[in-house]
Amino acid sequence: MDGAAHTDGALLRRGPAAGPDPVRIVTWTGDRTPLRPLFELAEDSPEQLDSYIDAGMVLVAYVAGELVGHLQLVDLPLRDLALAGEVEVKNMAVAATHQGQGIGRLLVADAVRRATAAGLYRILVATAAADIGNLRFYQRQGFRMLSVERDAFTPATGYPGPTDIDGIPLRDRVWLDRGLRS
């Protein structure tokens, strides 16, 4: 394991079909430069990534000592959708070689556990409206649709020109939320 990670996470099993290697989730501390390739899997705009890569808390997932995923939680400014006691999943990715093995689910579960323990009210996440896979993933983790932010992915906001995801134009951002209190 990298020396920049706290060993505060427990060993988590992925489930019977996933294989014998446990997933270890820990808090990353220190310089985030080594994490940038993972962050870039979830962020197409270098400008946007530069603006938030050092914010908040980052959880990282290791399998057999290999860094395979991360989840970044950041506080939301008290405007727009945010209320006191909320946090945003700002960036999350799992290496392609480890996708579909439950690592993302474990990262979200750990973030929910930590946010709940901190007394927070809810977690928000935003993703591209065109990214059906992400929308499916987050809804399966208990998130629900909240709002649509039109024209969020444009050259004016730091994103490349016309892009498609599975044949759907990348234009709008969808916000989802998950309450943390019963």
N, C-alpha and C. Protein backbone atom coordinates (compact mmCIF):
# COMPACT_ATOMS: atom_id res chain seq x y z
N MET A 1 0.82 -1.19 0.00
CA MET A 1 0.00 0.00 0.00
C MET A 1 0.86 1.25 0.00
N ASP A 2 0.34 2.29 -0.60
CA ASP A 2 1.03 3.56 -0.66
C ASP A 2 1.06 4.18 0.74
N GLY A 3 2.16 4.80 1.08
CA GLY A 3 2.28 5.42 2.38
C GLY A 3 1.38 6.62 2.57
N ALA A 4 0.73 7.11 1.52
CA ALA A 4 -0.13 8.27 1.64
C ALA A 4 -1.56 7.90 2.00
N ALA A 5 -1.80 6.68 2.34
CA ALA A 5 -3.15 6.26 2.71
C ALA A 5 -3.19 5.88 4.18
N HIS A 6 -4.22 6.35 4.88
CA HIS A 6 -4.43 5.91 6.25
C HIS A 6 -5.00 4.51 6.21
N THR A 7 -4.69 3.72 7.17
CA THR A 7 -5.24 2.36 7.21
C THR A 7 -6.45 2.33 8.14
N ASP A 8 -7.42 3.20 7.86
CA ASP A 8 -8.61 3.26 8.70
C ASP A 8 -9.75 2.41 8.18
N GLY A 9 -9.60 1.84 7.02
CA GLY A 9 -10.68 1.06 6.43
C GLY A 9 -10.59 -0.40 6.84
N ALA A 10 -11.73 -1.02 6.87
CA ALA A 10 -11.77 -2.45 7.19
C ALA A 10 -11.63 -3.25 5.91
N LEU A 11 -11.23 -4.50 6.07
CA LEU A 11 -11.23 -5.40 4.93
C LEU A 11 -12.68 -5.73 4.61
N LEU A 12 -13.06 -5.57 3.37
CA LEU A 12 -14.43 -5.80 2.95
C LEU A 12 -14.45 -6.89 1.90
N ARG A 13 -15.29 -7.85 2.06
CA ARG A 13 -15.41 -8.92 1.07
C ARG A 13 -16.33 -8.46 -0.04
N ARG A 14 -16.04 -8.87 -1.25
CA ARG A 14 -16.83 -8.46 -2.40
C ARG A 14 -18.03 -9.36 -2.63
N GLY A 15 -18.09 -10.51 -2.08
CA GLY A 15 -19.21 -11.41 -2.33
C GLY A 15 -18.70 -12.71 -2.91
N PRO A 16 -19.50 -13.74 -2.87
CA PRO A 16 -19.03 -15.07 -3.25
C PRO A 16 -18.59 -15.19 -4.70
N ALA A 17 -19.20 -14.48 -5.62
CA ALA A 17 -18.85 -14.62 -7.03
C ALA A 17 -17.64 -13.77 -7.42
N ALA A 18 -17.23 -12.87 -6.55
CA ALA A 18 -16.20 -11.91 -6.91
C ALA A 18 -14.77 -12.43 -6.72
N GLY A 19 -14.58 -13.53 -6.05
CA GLY A 19 -13.24 -14.03 -5.85
C GLY A 19 -12.77 -13.83 -4.43
N PRO A 20 -11.60 -14.35 -4.11
CA PRO A 20 -11.14 -14.39 -2.73
C PRO A 20 -10.47 -13.11 -2.23
N ASP A 21 -9.99 -12.24 -3.12
CA ASP A 21 -9.26 -11.07 -2.66
C ASP A 21 -10.19 -10.05 -2.01
N PRO A 22 -9.89 -9.67 -0.77
CA PRO A 22 -10.70 -8.63 -0.12
C PRO A 22 -10.37 -7.26 -0.67
N VAL A 23 -11.31 -6.35 -0.51
CA VAL A 23 -11.12 -4.95 -0.88
C VAL A 23 -10.86 -4.19 0.41
N ARG A 24 -9.84 -3.36 0.41
CA ARG A 24 -9.54 -2.52 1.57
C ARG A 24 -9.77 -1.08 1.17
N ILE A 25 -10.62 -0.38 1.92
CA ILE A 25 -10.92 1.02 1.65
C ILE A 25 -10.32 1.87 2.76
N VAL A 26 -9.52 2.85 2.37
CA VAL A 26 -8.83 3.72 3.32
C VAL A 26 -8.94 5.16 2.87
N THR A 27 -8.62 6.07 3.77
CA THR A 27 -8.61 7.50 3.46
C THR A 27 -7.24 7.88 2.92
N TRP A 28 -7.21 8.54 1.77
CA TRP A 28 -5.96 9.01 1.19
C TRP A 28 -5.59 10.33 1.83
N THR A 29 -4.33 10.48 2.18
CA THR A 29 -3.83 11.75 2.71
C THR A 29 -2.62 12.15 1.89
N GLY A 30 -2.33 13.42 1.88
CA GLY A 30 -1.16 13.90 1.17
C GLY A 30 -1.45 14.24 -0.28
N ASP A 31 -0.41 14.29 -1.06
CA ASP A 31 -0.45 14.70 -2.46
C ASP A 31 -1.36 13.77 -3.27
N ARG A 32 -2.22 14.35 -4.07
CA ARG A 32 -3.16 13.54 -4.87
C ARG A 32 -2.68 13.31 -6.30
N THR A 33 -1.49 13.76 -6.62
CA THR A 33 -0.97 13.55 -7.98
C THR A 33 -1.01 12.08 -8.40
N PRO A 34 -0.63 11.13 -7.54
CA PRO A 34 -0.69 9.72 -7.96
C PRO A 34 -2.11 9.24 -8.27
N LEU A 35 -3.12 9.95 -7.77
CA LEU A 35 -4.51 9.56 -8.01
C LEU A 35 -5.08 10.15 -9.30
N ARG A 36 -4.39 11.09 -9.90
CA ARG A 36 -4.93 11.80 -11.06
C ARG A 36 -5.42 10.87 -12.17
N PRO A 37 -4.70 9.80 -12.53
CA PRO A 37 -5.23 8.92 -13.58
C PRO A 37 -6.60 8.33 -13.25
N LEU A 38 -6.84 8.01 -11.99
CA LEU A 38 -8.17 7.54 -11.60
C LEU A 38 -9.19 8.66 -11.72
N PHE A 39 -8.86 9.86 -11.25
CA PHE A 39 -9.76 11.01 -11.35
C PHE A 39 -10.11 11.28 -12.82
N GLU A 40 -9.13 11.13 -13.70
CA GLU A 40 -9.37 11.41 -15.12
C GLU A 40 -10.32 10.40 -15.77
N LEU A 41 -10.47 9.22 -15.18
CA LEU A 41 -11.45 8.27 -15.70
C LEU A 41 -12.87 8.80 -15.58
N ALA A 42 -13.09 9.68 -14.60
CA ALA A 42 -14.44 10.20 -14.34
C ALA A 42 -14.61 11.67 -14.72
N GLU A 43 -13.55 12.32 -15.16
CA GLU A 43 -13.63 13.76 -15.48
C GLU A 43 -12.94 14.04 -16.80
N ASP A 44 -13.70 14.52 -17.78
CA ASP A 44 -13.16 14.81 -19.11
C ASP A 44 -12.53 16.19 -19.24
N SER A 45 -12.75 17.07 -18.28
CA SER A 45 -12.23 18.43 -18.36
C SER A 45 -11.03 18.61 -17.42
N PRO A 46 -9.84 18.80 -17.98
CA PRO A 46 -8.68 19.08 -17.11
C PRO A 46 -8.88 20.33 -16.27
N GLU A 47 -9.55 21.35 -16.83
CA GLU A 47 -9.83 22.58 -16.08
C GLU A 47 -10.67 22.30 -14.85
N GLN A 48 -11.75 21.56 -15.06
CA GLN A 48 -12.64 21.24 -13.94
C GLN A 48 -11.90 20.40 -12.90
N LEU A 49 -11.17 19.40 -13.34
CA LEU A 49 -10.44 18.54 -12.41
C LEU A 49 -9.44 19.34 -11.58
N ASP A 50 -8.71 20.24 -12.23
CA ASP A 50 -7.76 21.07 -11.50
C ASP A 50 -8.44 21.90 -10.42
N SER A 51 -9.70 22.28 -10.66
CA SER A 51 -10.42 23.13 -9.71
C SER A 51 -10.86 22.41 -8.44
N TYR A 52 -10.92 21.07 -8.47
CA TYR A 52 -11.42 20.38 -7.28
C TYR A 52 -10.60 19.18 -6.81
N ILE A 53 -9.56 18.79 -7.51
CA ILE A 53 -8.85 17.56 -7.14
C ILE A 53 -8.34 17.57 -5.70
N ASP A 54 -8.00 18.73 -5.17
CA ASP A 54 -7.46 18.79 -3.81
C ASP A 54 -8.52 19.03 -2.74
N ALA A 55 -9.79 19.09 -3.13
CA ALA A 55 -10.86 19.37 -2.17
C ALA A 55 -11.32 18.10 -1.46
N GLY A 56 -11.87 18.29 -0.29
CA GLY A 56 -12.57 17.23 0.42
C GLY A 56 -11.72 16.04 0.83
N MET A 57 -12.41 14.92 0.98
CA MET A 57 -11.80 13.68 1.43
C MET A 57 -11.85 12.67 0.29
N VAL A 58 -10.79 11.88 0.16
CA VAL A 58 -10.75 10.84 -0.86
C VAL A 58 -10.59 9.48 -0.19
N LEU A 59 -11.50 8.59 -0.54
CA LEU A 59 -11.39 7.19 -0.13
C LEU A 59 -10.78 6.44 -1.29
N VAL A 60 -9.88 5.52 -1.01
CA VAL A 60 -9.28 4.71 -2.06
C VAL A 60 -9.50 3.24 -1.75
N ALA A 61 -9.60 2.45 -2.82
CA ALA A 61 -9.81 1.01 -2.68
C ALA A 61 -8.58 0.28 -3.19
N TYR A 62 -8.15 -0.68 -2.41
CA TYR A 62 -7.03 -1.54 -2.77
C TYR A 62 -7.51 -2.98 -2.85
N VAL A 63 -7.00 -3.72 -3.82
CA VAL A 63 -7.20 -5.16 -3.90
C VAL A 63 -5.81 -5.77 -4.03
N ALA A 64 -5.46 -6.66 -3.14
CA ALA A 64 -4.15 -7.30 -3.14
C ALA A 64 -3.02 -6.27 -3.23
N GLY A 65 -3.18 -5.15 -2.50
CA GLY A 65 -2.16 -4.11 -2.48
C GLY A 65 -2.16 -3.18 -3.67
N GLU A 66 -3.02 -3.41 -4.64
CA GLU A 66 -3.08 -2.56 -5.85
C GLU A 66 -4.20 -1.53 -5.71
N LEU A 67 -3.87 -0.26 -5.97
CA LEU A 67 -4.85 0.83 -5.96
C LEU A 67 -5.77 0.64 -7.16
N VAL A 68 -7.08 0.44 -6.90
CA VAL A 68 -7.99 0.12 -8.00
C VAL A 68 -9.18 1.06 -8.11
N GLY A 69 -9.38 1.96 -7.15
CA GLY A 69 -10.52 2.86 -7.25
C GLY A 69 -10.46 3.95 -6.20
N HIS A 70 -11.34 4.94 -6.39
CA HIS A 70 -11.41 6.05 -5.43
C HIS A 70 -12.81 6.65 -5.45
N LEU A 71 -13.10 7.40 -4.39
CA LEU A 71 -14.32 8.20 -4.28
C LEU A 71 -13.96 9.45 -3.52
N GLN A 72 -14.33 10.61 -4.09
CA GLN A 72 -14.04 11.90 -3.46
C GLN A 72 -15.33 12.50 -2.93
N LEU A 73 -15.33 12.86 -1.65
CA LEU A 73 -16.45 13.55 -1.02
C LEU A 73 -16.06 14.99 -0.74
N VAL A 74 -16.90 15.93 -1.16
CA VAL A 74 -16.62 17.34 -0.90
C VAL A 74 -17.85 18.00 -0.28
N ASP A 75 -17.60 19.00 0.56
CA ASP A 75 -18.69 19.80 1.09
C ASP A 75 -19.27 20.64 -0.04
N LEU A 76 -20.55 20.88 0.03
CA LEU A 76 -21.22 21.72 -0.97
C LEU A 76 -21.33 23.14 -0.45
N PRO A 77 -21.13 24.12 -1.32
CA PRO A 77 -21.39 25.50 -0.88
C PRO A 77 -22.89 25.65 -0.60
N LEU A 78 -23.24 26.47 0.35
CA LEU A 78 -24.65 26.64 0.71
C LEU A 78 -25.36 27.52 -0.31
N ARG A 79 -25.63 26.92 -1.47
CA ARG A 79 -26.35 27.59 -2.56
C ARG A 79 -26.95 26.52 -3.45
N ASP A 80 -27.68 26.93 -4.43
CA ASP A 80 -28.29 26.02 -5.38
C ASP A 80 -29.01 24.88 -4.66
N LEU A 81 -28.56 23.64 -4.87
CA LEU A 81 -29.23 22.46 -4.32
C LEU A 81 -28.87 22.19 -2.87
N ALA A 82 -27.79 22.78 -2.39
CA ALA A 82 -27.20 22.35 -1.13
C ALA A 82 -27.85 22.98 0.10
N LEU A 83 -27.95 22.20 1.13
CA LEU A 83 -28.37 22.64 2.45
C LEU A 83 -27.26 22.26 3.42
N ALA A 84 -27.34 22.80 4.63
CA ALA A 84 -26.36 22.42 5.65
C ALA A 84 -26.47 20.91 5.89
N GLY A 85 -25.34 20.27 6.08
CA GLY A 85 -25.33 18.84 6.38
C GLY A 85 -25.34 17.95 5.15
N GLU A 86 -24.91 18.48 4.01
CA GLU A 86 -24.86 17.69 2.79
C GLU A 86 -23.43 17.61 2.26
N VAL A 87 -23.19 16.55 1.53
CA VAL A 87 -21.89 16.32 0.93
C VAL A 87 -22.12 15.79 -0.48
N GLU A 88 -21.14 16.01 -1.36
CA GLU A 88 -21.26 15.55 -2.74
C GLU A 88 -20.19 14.51 -3.07
N VAL A 89 -20.59 13.46 -3.76
CA VAL A 89 -19.62 12.58 -4.39
C VAL A 89 -19.18 13.33 -5.64
N LYS A 90 -18.00 13.90 -5.58
CA LYS A 90 -17.53 14.78 -6.66
C LYS A 90 -16.88 13.98 -7.79
N ASN A 91 -16.16 12.92 -7.44
CA ASN A 91 -15.47 12.14 -8.45
C ASN A 91 -15.34 10.72 -7.92
N MET A 92 -15.59 9.76 -8.77
CA MET A 92 -15.45 8.36 -8.38
C MET A 92 -15.12 7.55 -9.61
N ALA A 93 -14.20 6.62 -9.47
CA ALA A 93 -13.86 5.73 -10.58
C ALA A 93 -13.23 4.46 -10.05
N VAL A 94 -13.38 3.41 -10.84
CA VAL A 94 -12.72 2.13 -10.58
C VAL A 94 -11.96 1.77 -11.85
N ALA A 95 -10.74 1.32 -11.69
CA ALA A 95 -9.92 0.93 -12.84
C ALA A 95 -10.68 -0.07 -13.70
N ALA A 96 -10.54 0.05 -15.01
CA ALA A 96 -11.27 -0.81 -15.95
C ALA A 96 -11.09 -2.29 -15.65
N THR A 97 -9.90 -2.67 -15.23
CA THR A 97 -9.62 -4.08 -14.94
C THR A 97 -10.36 -4.61 -13.72
N HIS A 98 -10.93 -3.71 -12.92
CA HIS A 98 -11.63 -4.13 -11.69
C HIS A 98 -13.10 -3.71 -11.67
N GLN A 99 -13.61 -3.19 -12.78
CA GLN A 99 -15.01 -2.81 -12.82
C GLN A 99 -15.90 -4.05 -12.84
N GLY A 100 -17.12 -3.88 -12.34
CA GLY A 100 -18.07 -4.98 -12.31
C GLY A 100 -17.83 -5.98 -11.20
N GLN A 101 -16.98 -5.64 -10.25
CA GLN A 101 -16.65 -6.55 -9.16
C GLN A 101 -17.17 -6.06 -7.81
N GLY A 102 -17.97 -5.00 -7.81
CA GLY A 102 -18.55 -4.49 -6.56
C GLY A 102 -17.71 -3.47 -5.83
N ILE A 103 -16.59 -3.05 -6.41
CA ILE A 103 -15.71 -2.09 -5.73
C ILE A 103 -16.37 -0.72 -5.62
N GLY A 104 -17.02 -0.26 -6.68
CA GLY A 104 -17.74 1.01 -6.63
C GLY A 104 -18.83 0.99 -5.58
N ARG A 105 -19.55 -0.12 -5.50
CA ARG A 105 -20.61 -0.28 -4.50
C ARG A 105 -20.01 -0.18 -3.09
N LEU A 106 -18.86 -0.80 -2.87
CA LEU A 106 -18.21 -0.75 -1.56
C LEU A 106 -17.73 0.66 -1.23
N LEU A 107 -17.21 1.37 -2.22
CA LEU A 107 -16.79 2.76 -2.00
C LEU A 107 -17.98 3.63 -1.60
N VAL A 108 -19.10 3.49 -2.32
CA VAL A 108 -20.29 4.27 -1.97
C VAL A 108 -20.79 3.89 -0.58
N ALA A 109 -20.83 2.61 -0.27
CA ALA A 109 -21.29 2.17 1.05
C ALA A 109 -20.42 2.74 2.16
N ASP A 110 -19.11 2.78 1.94
CA ASP A 110 -18.21 3.35 2.94
C ASP A 110 -18.44 4.85 3.08
N ALA A 111 -18.65 5.55 1.97
CA ALA A 111 -18.93 6.99 2.01
C ALA A 111 -20.23 7.26 2.76
N VAL A 112 -21.25 6.44 2.50
CA VAL A 112 -22.54 6.59 3.20
C VAL A 112 -22.35 6.35 4.69
N ARG A 113 -21.60 5.32 5.04
CA ARG A 113 -21.35 5.03 6.46
C ARG A 113 -20.67 6.20 7.15
N ARG A 114 -19.65 6.75 6.51
CA ARG A 114 -18.91 7.87 7.10
C ARG A 114 -19.77 9.12 7.22
N ALA A 115 -20.54 9.42 6.16
CA ALA A 115 -21.40 10.61 6.18
C ALA A 115 -22.49 10.47 7.24
N THR A 116 -23.05 9.28 7.38
CA THR A 116 -24.06 9.03 8.40
C THR A 116 -23.47 9.20 9.79
N ALA A 117 -22.29 8.63 10.01
CA ALA A 117 -21.61 8.74 11.30
C ALA A 117 -21.29 10.20 11.64
N ALA A 118 -21.07 11.02 10.62
CA ALA A 118 -20.76 12.44 10.82
C ALA A 118 -22.04 13.26 11.04
N GLY A 119 -23.20 12.60 10.99
CA GLY A 119 -24.46 13.30 11.22
C GLY A 119 -24.98 14.09 10.04
N LEU A 120 -24.49 13.77 8.83
CA LEU A 120 -24.93 14.51 7.65
C LEU A 120 -26.35 14.10 7.24
N TYR A 121 -26.99 14.96 6.49
CA TYR A 121 -28.38 14.80 6.09
C TYR A 121 -28.55 14.00 4.80
N ARG A 122 -27.72 14.29 3.80
CA ARG A 122 -27.82 13.57 2.53
C ARG A 122 -26.55 13.71 1.72
N ILE A 123 -26.42 12.81 0.73
CA ILE A 123 -25.32 12.82 -0.23
C ILE A 123 -25.90 13.12 -1.59
N LEU A 124 -25.23 14.00 -2.33
CA LEU A 124 -25.61 14.29 -3.70
C LEU A 124 -24.52 13.80 -4.64
N VAL A 125 -24.90 13.53 -5.86
CA VAL A 125 -23.95 13.17 -6.90
C VAL A 125 -24.49 13.70 -8.22
N ALA A 126 -23.60 14.12 -9.10
CA ALA A 126 -23.99 14.59 -10.42
C ALA A 126 -23.27 13.74 -11.46
N THR A 127 -23.97 13.45 -12.55
CA THR A 127 -23.38 12.69 -13.64
C THR A 127 -24.01 13.14 -14.94
N ALA A 128 -23.42 12.76 -16.03
CA ALA A 128 -23.95 13.13 -17.35
C ALA A 128 -25.28 12.43 -17.59
N ALA A 129 -26.25 13.19 -18.09
CA ALA A 129 -27.55 12.61 -18.43
C ALA A 129 -27.40 11.53 -19.49
N ALA A 130 -26.36 11.64 -20.31
CA ALA A 130 -26.13 10.67 -21.39
C ALA A 130 -25.49 9.38 -20.88
N ASP A 131 -24.97 9.38 -19.66
CA ASP A 131 -24.26 8.21 -19.15
C ASP A 131 -25.21 7.27 -18.43
N ILE A 132 -25.87 6.44 -19.21
CA ILE A 132 -26.87 5.52 -18.69
C ILE A 132 -26.27 4.57 -17.65
N GLY A 133 -25.03 4.14 -17.88
CA GLY A 133 -24.38 3.24 -16.92
C GLY A 133 -24.23 3.87 -15.54
N ASN A 134 -23.79 5.13 -15.49
CA ASN A 134 -23.66 5.82 -14.20
C ASN A 134 -25.02 6.03 -13.55
N LEU A 135 -26.01 6.41 -14.34
CA LEU A 135 -27.35 6.62 -13.79
C LEU A 135 -27.87 5.33 -13.16
N ARG A 136 -27.67 4.23 -13.85
CA ARG A 136 -28.09 2.92 -13.33
C ARG A 136 -27.34 2.59 -12.05
N PHE A 137 -26.01 2.78 -12.07
CA PHE A 137 -25.19 2.47 -10.90
C PHE A 137 -25.68 3.23 -9.67
N TYR A 138 -25.80 4.56 -9.78
CA TYR A 138 -26.16 5.36 -8.62
C TYR A 138 -27.57 5.05 -8.12
N GLN A 139 -28.50 4.79 -9.01
CA GLN A 139 -29.84 4.43 -8.57
C GLN A 139 -29.84 3.09 -7.84
N ARG A 140 -28.99 2.17 -8.28
CA ARG A 140 -28.88 0.89 -7.58
C ARG A 140 -28.26 1.05 -6.20
N GLN A 141 -27.58 2.18 -5.96
CA GLN A 141 -26.98 2.45 -4.65
C GLN A 141 -27.92 3.28 -3.77
N GLY A 142 -29.16 3.47 -4.21
CA GLY A 142 -30.14 4.18 -3.39
C GLY A 142 -30.30 5.65 -3.70
N PHE A 143 -29.62 6.16 -4.72
CA PHE A 143 -29.77 7.56 -5.10
C PHE A 143 -31.02 7.73 -5.96
N ARG A 144 -31.64 8.91 -5.87
CA ARG A 144 -32.83 9.21 -6.65
C ARG A 144 -32.63 10.51 -7.42
N MET A 145 -33.31 10.60 -8.56
CA MET A 145 -33.22 11.79 -9.41
C MET A 145 -33.67 13.02 -8.62
N LEU A 146 -32.93 14.11 -8.80
CA LEU A 146 -33.24 15.35 -8.10
C LEU A 146 -33.51 16.48 -9.08
N SER A 147 -32.58 16.70 -10.05
CA SER A 147 -32.78 17.79 -11.00
C SER A 147 -31.85 17.59 -12.20
N VAL A 148 -32.12 18.40 -13.23
CA VAL A 148 -31.30 18.39 -14.44
C VAL A 148 -30.71 19.78 -14.62
N GLU A 149 -29.41 19.82 -14.88
CA GLU A 149 -28.70 21.07 -15.16
C GLU A 149 -28.38 21.06 -16.66
N ARG A 150 -29.11 21.86 -17.41
CA ARG A 150 -28.95 21.87 -18.86
C ARG A 150 -27.63 22.50 -19.29
N ASP A 151 -27.08 21.97 -20.37
CA ASP A 151 -25.87 22.51 -21.01
C ASP A 151 -24.69 22.66 -20.05
N ALA A 152 -24.51 21.68 -19.18
CA ALA A 152 -23.40 21.71 -18.22
C ALA A 152 -22.07 21.31 -18.85
N PHE A 153 -22.13 20.54 -19.95
CA PHE A 153 -20.91 20.00 -20.56
C PHE A 153 -20.68 20.69 -21.91
N THR A 154 -20.09 21.86 -21.86
CA THR A 154 -19.84 22.64 -23.08
C THR A 154 -18.39 23.12 -23.08
N PRO A 155 -17.89 23.56 -24.23
CA PRO A 155 -16.55 24.15 -24.25
C PRO A 155 -16.41 25.33 -23.29
N ALA A 156 -17.48 26.08 -23.08
CA ALA A 156 -17.44 27.23 -22.18
C ALA A 156 -17.21 26.80 -20.72
N THR A 157 -17.59 25.57 -20.38
CA THR A 157 -17.38 25.07 -19.01
C THR A 157 -16.16 24.16 -18.91
N GLY A 158 -15.35 24.11 -19.99
CA GLY A 158 -14.10 23.37 -19.95
C GLY A 158 -14.15 21.97 -20.54
N TYR A 159 -15.25 21.60 -21.18
CA TYR A 159 -15.38 20.26 -21.76
C TYR A 159 -15.17 20.32 -23.26
N PRO A 160 -14.65 19.23 -23.84
CA PRO A 160 -14.40 19.24 -25.27
C PRO A 160 -15.70 19.41 -26.07
N GLY A 161 -15.54 19.73 -27.34
CA GLY A 161 -16.69 19.94 -28.23
C GLY A 161 -17.61 18.74 -28.27
N PRO A 162 -18.47 18.68 -29.24
CA PRO A 162 -19.51 17.64 -29.27
C PRO A 162 -18.95 16.25 -28.98
N THR A 163 -19.57 15.62 -27.97
CA THR A 163 -19.19 14.29 -27.53
C THR A 163 -20.46 13.46 -27.37
N ASP A 164 -20.36 12.20 -27.68
CA ASP A 164 -21.48 11.28 -27.46
C ASP A 164 -21.06 10.21 -26.46
N ILE A 165 -22.02 9.75 -25.68
CA ILE A 165 -21.83 8.59 -24.81
C ILE A 165 -22.86 7.57 -25.26
N ASP A 166 -22.39 6.48 -25.81
CA ASP A 166 -23.29 5.44 -26.33
C ASP A 166 -24.33 6.01 -27.28
N GLY A 167 -23.90 6.95 -28.13
CA GLY A 167 -24.79 7.53 -29.14
C GLY A 167 -25.69 8.64 -28.63
N ILE A 168 -25.55 9.02 -27.37
CA ILE A 168 -26.36 10.10 -26.79
C ILE A 168 -25.47 11.33 -26.63
N PRO A 169 -25.89 12.49 -27.15
CA PRO A 169 -25.07 13.70 -27.00
C PRO A 169 -24.86 14.06 -25.53
N LEU A 170 -23.61 14.36 -25.20
CA LEU A 170 -23.25 14.79 -23.85
C LEU A 170 -23.55 16.28 -23.74
N ARG A 171 -24.56 16.63 -23.01
CA ARG A 171 -24.94 18.03 -22.82
C ARG A 171 -25.30 18.34 -21.38
N ASP A 172 -26.24 17.58 -20.82
CA ASP A 172 -26.83 17.92 -19.54
C ASP A 172 -26.26 17.09 -18.40
N ARG A 173 -26.31 17.68 -17.20
CA ARG A 173 -25.87 17.01 -15.97
C ARG A 173 -27.13 16.68 -15.14
N VAL A 174 -27.18 15.48 -14.61
CA VAL A 174 -28.28 15.05 -13.75
C VAL A 174 -27.77 14.99 -12.32
N TRP A 175 -28.53 15.59 -11.41
CA TRP A 175 -28.22 15.51 -9.99
C TRP A 175 -29.11 14.46 -9.35
N LEU A 176 -28.50 13.62 -8.51
CA LEU A 176 -29.21 12.61 -7.74
C LEU A 176 -28.88 12.81 -6.28
N ASP A 177 -29.75 12.33 -5.40
CA ASP A 177 -29.45 12.43 -3.97
C ASP A 177 -29.88 11.17 -3.25
N ARG A 178 -29.31 11.01 -2.06
CA ARG A 178 -29.65 9.90 -1.18
C ARG A 178 -29.70 10.41 0.23
N GLY A 179 -30.88 10.30 0.85
CA GLY A 179 -31.03 10.71 2.24
C GLY A 179 -30.29 9.77 3.16
N LEU A 180 -29.81 10.30 4.27
CA LEU A 180 -29.03 9.50 5.21
C LEU A 180 -29.76 9.29 6.53
N ARG A 181 -30.90 9.93 6.71
CA ARG A 181 -31.66 9.78 7.96
C ARG A 181 -33.00 9.16 7.65
N SER A 182 -33.48 8.32 8.54
CA SER A 182 -34.78 7.68 8.34
C SER A 182 -35.92 8.63 8.55
